[in-house]
N, C-alpha and C. Protein backbone atom coordinates (compact mmCIF):
# COMPACT_ATOMS: atom_id res chain seq x y z
N MET A 1 -8.88 61.06 38.92
CA MET A 1 -7.52 60.57 38.93
C MET A 1 -7.49 59.27 39.73
N PRO A 2 -7.09 58.18 39.12
CA PRO A 2 -7.07 56.88 39.80
C PRO A 2 -5.88 56.79 40.76
N ILE A 3 -6.07 55.99 41.80
CA ILE A 3 -5.01 55.75 42.77
C ILE A 3 -4.13 54.63 42.23
N SER A 4 -2.83 54.86 42.26
CA SER A 4 -1.91 53.88 41.68
C SER A 4 -1.71 52.70 42.63
N LEU A 5 -1.37 51.58 42.04
CA LEU A 5 -1.12 50.35 42.81
C LEU A 5 0.08 50.50 43.75
N PRO A 6 1.19 51.08 43.32
CA PRO A 6 2.32 51.27 44.25
C PRO A 6 1.94 52.15 45.45
N PHE A 7 1.13 53.18 45.20
CA PHE A 7 0.68 54.04 46.30
C PHE A 7 -0.16 53.26 47.30
N MET A 8 -1.06 52.43 46.80
CA MET A 8 -1.91 51.61 47.67
C MET A 8 -1.07 50.62 48.47
N ASN A 9 -0.08 50.02 47.81
CA ASN A 9 0.79 49.07 48.51
C ASN A 9 1.58 49.77 49.62
N GLU A 10 2.04 50.97 49.33
CA GLU A 10 2.79 51.72 50.33
C GLU A 10 1.92 52.05 51.54
N LYS A 11 0.70 52.48 51.30
CA LYS A 11 -0.22 52.80 52.39
C LYS A 11 -0.60 51.54 53.18
N LEU A 12 -0.79 50.43 52.49
CA LEU A 12 -1.11 49.18 53.16
C LEU A 12 0.05 48.75 54.07
N LEU A 13 1.27 48.88 53.58
CA LEU A 13 2.44 48.54 54.39
C LEU A 13 2.53 49.44 55.63
N GLU A 14 2.22 50.72 55.47
CA GLU A 14 2.23 51.63 56.62
C GLU A 14 1.22 51.19 57.67
N VAL A 15 0.03 50.81 57.22
CA VAL A 15 -1.03 50.36 58.14
C VAL A 15 -0.61 49.07 58.84
N LEU A 16 -0.03 48.13 58.08
CA LEU A 16 0.40 46.87 58.68
C LEU A 16 1.52 47.09 59.70
N LYS A 17 2.44 48.00 59.39
CA LYS A 17 3.52 48.30 60.34
C LYS A 17 2.96 48.93 61.61
N ALA A 18 1.99 49.82 61.45
CA ALA A 18 1.37 50.45 62.62
C ALA A 18 0.65 49.41 63.47
N GLN A 19 -0.04 48.48 62.83
CA GLN A 19 -0.71 47.40 63.56
C GLN A 19 0.31 46.54 64.30
N GLN A 20 1.41 46.25 63.64
CA GLN A 20 2.44 45.43 64.27
C GLN A 20 3.04 46.14 65.48
N ARG A 21 3.28 47.44 65.36
CA ARG A 21 3.80 48.21 66.51
C ARG A 21 2.83 48.16 67.68
N LEU A 22 1.53 48.31 67.39
CA LEU A 22 0.52 48.24 68.45
C LEU A 22 0.49 46.85 69.09
N ALA A 23 0.62 45.81 68.28
CA ALA A 23 0.61 44.45 68.82
C ALA A 23 1.82 44.22 69.73
N VAL A 24 2.97 44.73 69.34
CA VAL A 24 4.18 44.58 70.16
C VAL A 24 4.02 45.35 71.47
N LYS A 25 3.49 46.58 71.39
CA LYS A 25 3.27 47.38 72.61
C LYS A 25 2.29 46.67 73.54
N ALA A 26 1.26 46.06 72.99
CA ALA A 26 0.28 45.34 73.82
C ALA A 26 0.93 44.13 74.47
N ALA A 27 1.76 43.40 73.73
CA ALA A 27 2.44 42.23 74.29
C ALA A 27 3.38 42.64 75.42
N VAL A 28 4.09 43.73 75.25
CA VAL A 28 4.99 44.23 76.29
C VAL A 28 4.18 44.65 77.52
N ALA A 29 3.06 45.33 77.30
CA ALA A 29 2.22 45.76 78.43
C ALA A 29 1.69 44.56 79.20
N VAL A 30 1.29 43.51 78.50
CA VAL A 30 0.81 42.30 79.17
C VAL A 30 1.93 41.68 79.99
N ALA A 31 3.13 41.60 79.44
CA ALA A 31 4.26 41.02 80.16
C ALA A 31 4.59 41.83 81.41
N VAL A 32 4.60 43.15 81.30
CA VAL A 32 4.89 44.02 82.44
C VAL A 32 3.83 43.85 83.52
N ASN A 33 2.58 43.82 83.14
CA ASN A 33 1.50 43.66 84.12
C ASN A 33 1.55 42.29 84.78
N THR A 34 1.92 41.27 84.04
CA THR A 34 2.05 39.93 84.61
C THR A 34 3.14 39.92 85.68
N ILE A 35 4.25 40.57 85.39
CA ILE A 35 5.35 40.64 86.35
C ILE A 35 4.91 41.41 87.60
N LYS A 36 4.23 42.53 87.41
CA LYS A 36 3.75 43.31 88.56
C LYS A 36 2.75 42.51 89.38
N PHE A 37 1.88 41.76 88.71
CA PHE A 37 0.89 40.95 89.39
C PHE A 37 1.56 39.84 90.21
N THR A 38 2.65 39.29 89.69
CA THR A 38 3.39 38.23 90.37
C THR A 38 4.22 38.78 91.52
N ASN A 39 4.69 40.01 91.40
CA ASN A 39 5.61 40.58 92.38
C ASN A 39 4.99 40.76 93.76
N ALA A 40 3.75 41.21 93.84
CA ALA A 40 3.13 41.50 95.15
C ALA A 40 3.03 40.25 96.03
N PRO A 41 2.45 39.15 95.53
CA PRO A 41 2.40 37.94 96.38
C PRO A 41 3.80 37.40 96.70
N LEU A 42 4.71 37.52 95.76
CA LEU A 42 6.08 37.04 96.00
C LEU A 42 6.73 37.85 97.12
N GLN A 43 6.55 39.15 97.11
CA GLN A 43 7.13 40.00 98.16
C GLN A 43 6.53 39.67 99.52
N ARG A 44 5.21 39.42 99.58
CA ARG A 44 4.59 39.04 100.85
C ARG A 44 5.14 37.70 101.34
N ASN A 45 5.32 36.76 100.42
CA ASN A 45 5.86 35.45 100.77
C ASN A 45 7.29 35.58 101.29
N LEU A 46 8.09 36.40 100.65
CA LEU A 46 9.47 36.60 101.10
C LEU A 46 9.51 37.25 102.48
N LYS A 47 8.60 38.18 102.74
CA LYS A 47 8.54 38.82 104.06
C LYS A 47 8.19 37.79 105.13
N THR A 48 7.23 36.92 104.83
CA THR A 48 6.84 35.86 105.77
C THR A 48 8.00 34.93 106.04
N LYS A 49 8.70 34.52 104.99
CA LYS A 49 9.84 33.61 105.15
C LYS A 49 10.97 34.26 105.94
N ALA A 50 11.20 35.55 105.74
CA ALA A 50 12.23 36.25 106.50
C ALA A 50 11.88 36.26 107.99
N GLU A 51 10.60 36.50 108.29
CA GLU A 51 10.17 36.47 109.70
C GLU A 51 10.31 35.07 110.29
N GLU A 52 9.99 34.05 109.50
CA GLU A 52 10.13 32.67 109.97
C GLU A 52 11.60 32.36 110.26
N LEU A 53 12.50 32.79 109.38
CA LEU A 53 13.93 32.56 109.60
C LEU A 53 14.42 33.27 110.87
N GLU A 54 13.97 34.49 111.06
CA GLU A 54 14.36 35.24 112.25
C GLU A 54 13.86 34.54 113.51
N ASN A 55 12.61 34.11 113.51
CA ASN A 55 12.05 33.42 114.67
C ASN A 55 12.76 32.09 114.92
N TYR A 56 13.10 31.38 113.85
CA TYR A 56 13.80 30.11 114.00
C TYR A 56 15.17 30.33 114.65
N ALA A 57 15.90 31.33 114.15
CA ALA A 57 17.24 31.59 114.69
C ALA A 57 17.17 32.03 116.15
N LYS A 58 16.20 32.88 116.47
CA LYS A 58 16.13 33.43 117.83
C LYS A 58 15.56 32.45 118.84
N LYS A 59 14.67 31.57 118.41
CA LYS A 59 13.99 30.70 119.38
C LYS A 59 14.39 29.24 119.22
N THR A 60 13.97 28.62 118.13
CA THR A 60 14.17 27.18 117.97
C THR A 60 15.65 26.81 117.94
N TYR A 61 16.42 27.44 117.04
CA TYR A 61 17.83 27.10 116.92
C TYR A 61 18.59 27.48 118.19
N SER A 62 18.23 28.61 118.77
CA SER A 62 18.87 29.04 120.02
C SER A 62 18.66 28.01 121.12
N GLN A 63 17.44 27.50 121.23
CA GLN A 63 17.14 26.49 122.25
C GLN A 63 17.90 25.20 121.96
N ASN A 64 17.91 24.78 120.70
CA ASN A 64 18.59 23.53 120.34
C ASN A 64 20.10 23.61 120.59
N ILE A 65 20.71 24.74 120.25
CA ILE A 65 22.16 24.85 120.40
C ILE A 65 22.55 24.95 121.88
N THR A 66 21.74 25.64 122.69
CA THR A 66 22.09 25.77 124.10
C THR A 66 21.86 24.46 124.85
N ASP A 67 20.99 23.60 124.32
CA ASP A 67 20.82 22.28 124.93
C ASP A 67 22.08 21.44 124.76
N GLY A 68 22.82 21.69 123.68
CA GLY A 68 24.03 20.92 123.41
C GLY A 68 25.29 21.53 123.99
N LEU A 69 25.20 22.74 124.50
CA LEU A 69 26.37 23.41 125.07
C LEU A 69 26.16 23.66 126.56
N GLU A 70 27.25 23.98 127.23
CA GLU A 70 27.17 24.25 128.68
C GLU A 70 27.90 25.54 129.01
N GLY A 71 27.52 26.13 130.10
CA GLY A 71 28.25 27.28 130.66
C GLY A 71 28.28 28.49 129.75
N GLN A 72 29.50 29.07 129.66
CA GLN A 72 29.67 30.30 128.90
C GLN A 72 29.40 30.10 127.41
N ALA A 73 29.73 28.93 126.89
CA ALA A 73 29.49 28.67 125.47
C ALA A 73 27.99 28.72 125.18
N ALA A 74 27.19 28.14 126.05
CA ALA A 74 25.74 28.16 125.87
C ALA A 74 25.21 29.58 125.98
N THR A 75 25.72 30.33 126.95
CA THR A 75 25.28 31.71 127.14
C THR A 75 25.67 32.58 125.95
N ALA A 76 26.91 32.41 125.48
CA ALA A 76 27.38 33.20 124.34
C ALA A 76 26.58 32.87 123.09
N ALA A 77 26.30 31.59 122.86
CA ALA A 77 25.52 31.20 121.69
C ALA A 77 24.11 31.78 121.77
N LYS A 78 23.51 31.70 122.94
CA LYS A 78 22.15 32.23 123.11
C LYS A 78 22.13 33.74 122.91
N ASP A 79 23.12 34.44 123.46
CA ASP A 79 23.20 35.90 123.28
C ASP A 79 23.38 36.27 121.81
N TYR A 80 24.27 35.56 121.14
CA TYR A 80 24.52 35.84 119.73
C TYR A 80 23.27 35.61 118.89
N LEU A 81 22.62 34.48 119.11
CA LEU A 81 21.44 34.15 118.31
C LEU A 81 20.25 35.06 118.63
N SER A 82 20.20 35.61 119.82
CA SER A 82 19.10 36.51 120.15
C SER A 82 19.23 37.85 119.43
N LYS A 83 20.44 38.14 118.94
CA LYS A 83 20.69 39.40 118.24
C LYS A 83 20.61 39.27 116.72
N VAL A 84 20.30 38.08 116.24
CA VAL A 84 20.20 37.87 114.80
C VAL A 84 19.05 38.70 114.26
N SER A 85 19.33 39.47 113.22
CA SER A 85 18.28 40.32 112.66
C SER A 85 17.55 39.59 111.53
N LYS A 86 16.42 40.15 111.19
CA LYS A 86 15.61 39.56 110.12
C LYS A 86 16.35 39.74 108.79
N PRO A 87 16.49 38.68 108.00
CA PRO A 87 17.18 38.82 106.72
C PRO A 87 16.38 39.67 105.74
N GLU A 88 17.09 40.35 104.87
CA GLU A 88 16.44 41.16 103.84
C GLU A 88 16.27 40.31 102.59
N LEU A 89 15.10 39.77 102.42
CA LEU A 89 14.80 38.97 101.24
C LEU A 89 13.99 39.85 100.29
N THR A 90 14.57 40.18 99.16
CA THR A 90 13.87 41.04 98.21
C THR A 90 13.60 40.29 96.93
N SER A 91 12.53 40.64 96.32
CA SER A 91 12.13 40.01 95.07
C SER A 91 13.08 40.40 93.95
N PRO A 92 13.44 39.46 93.10
CA PRO A 92 14.28 39.82 91.95
C PRO A 92 13.49 40.58 90.89
N LEU A 93 12.17 40.62 91.03
CA LEU A 93 11.33 41.34 90.08
C LEU A 93 11.28 42.81 90.46
N ARG A 94 11.41 43.67 89.48
CA ARG A 94 11.33 45.10 89.73
C ARG A 94 9.90 45.57 89.49
N ASN A 95 9.51 46.61 90.23
CA ASN A 95 8.17 47.18 90.03
C ASN A 95 8.12 48.05 88.82
């Protein structure tokens, strides 16, 4: 019994669709892994920058502002800036 041409075309289309689905899944996996690969260094960089901002506010900016102020204003500014907490800088990329 010979295999009909419409049957062969149908099976070929099924195989091509399956290949296309695999190609799309592979492309999505590559994109997800690229984002994950980018996220780790970005998060470390954001943590470093947050620490730099905290140190700047507590030390450098505090010193600069108190040099320009006198008395209670200088003391209040220094006290306020010494209590500045580290900013929460989070990556916009999700894991």
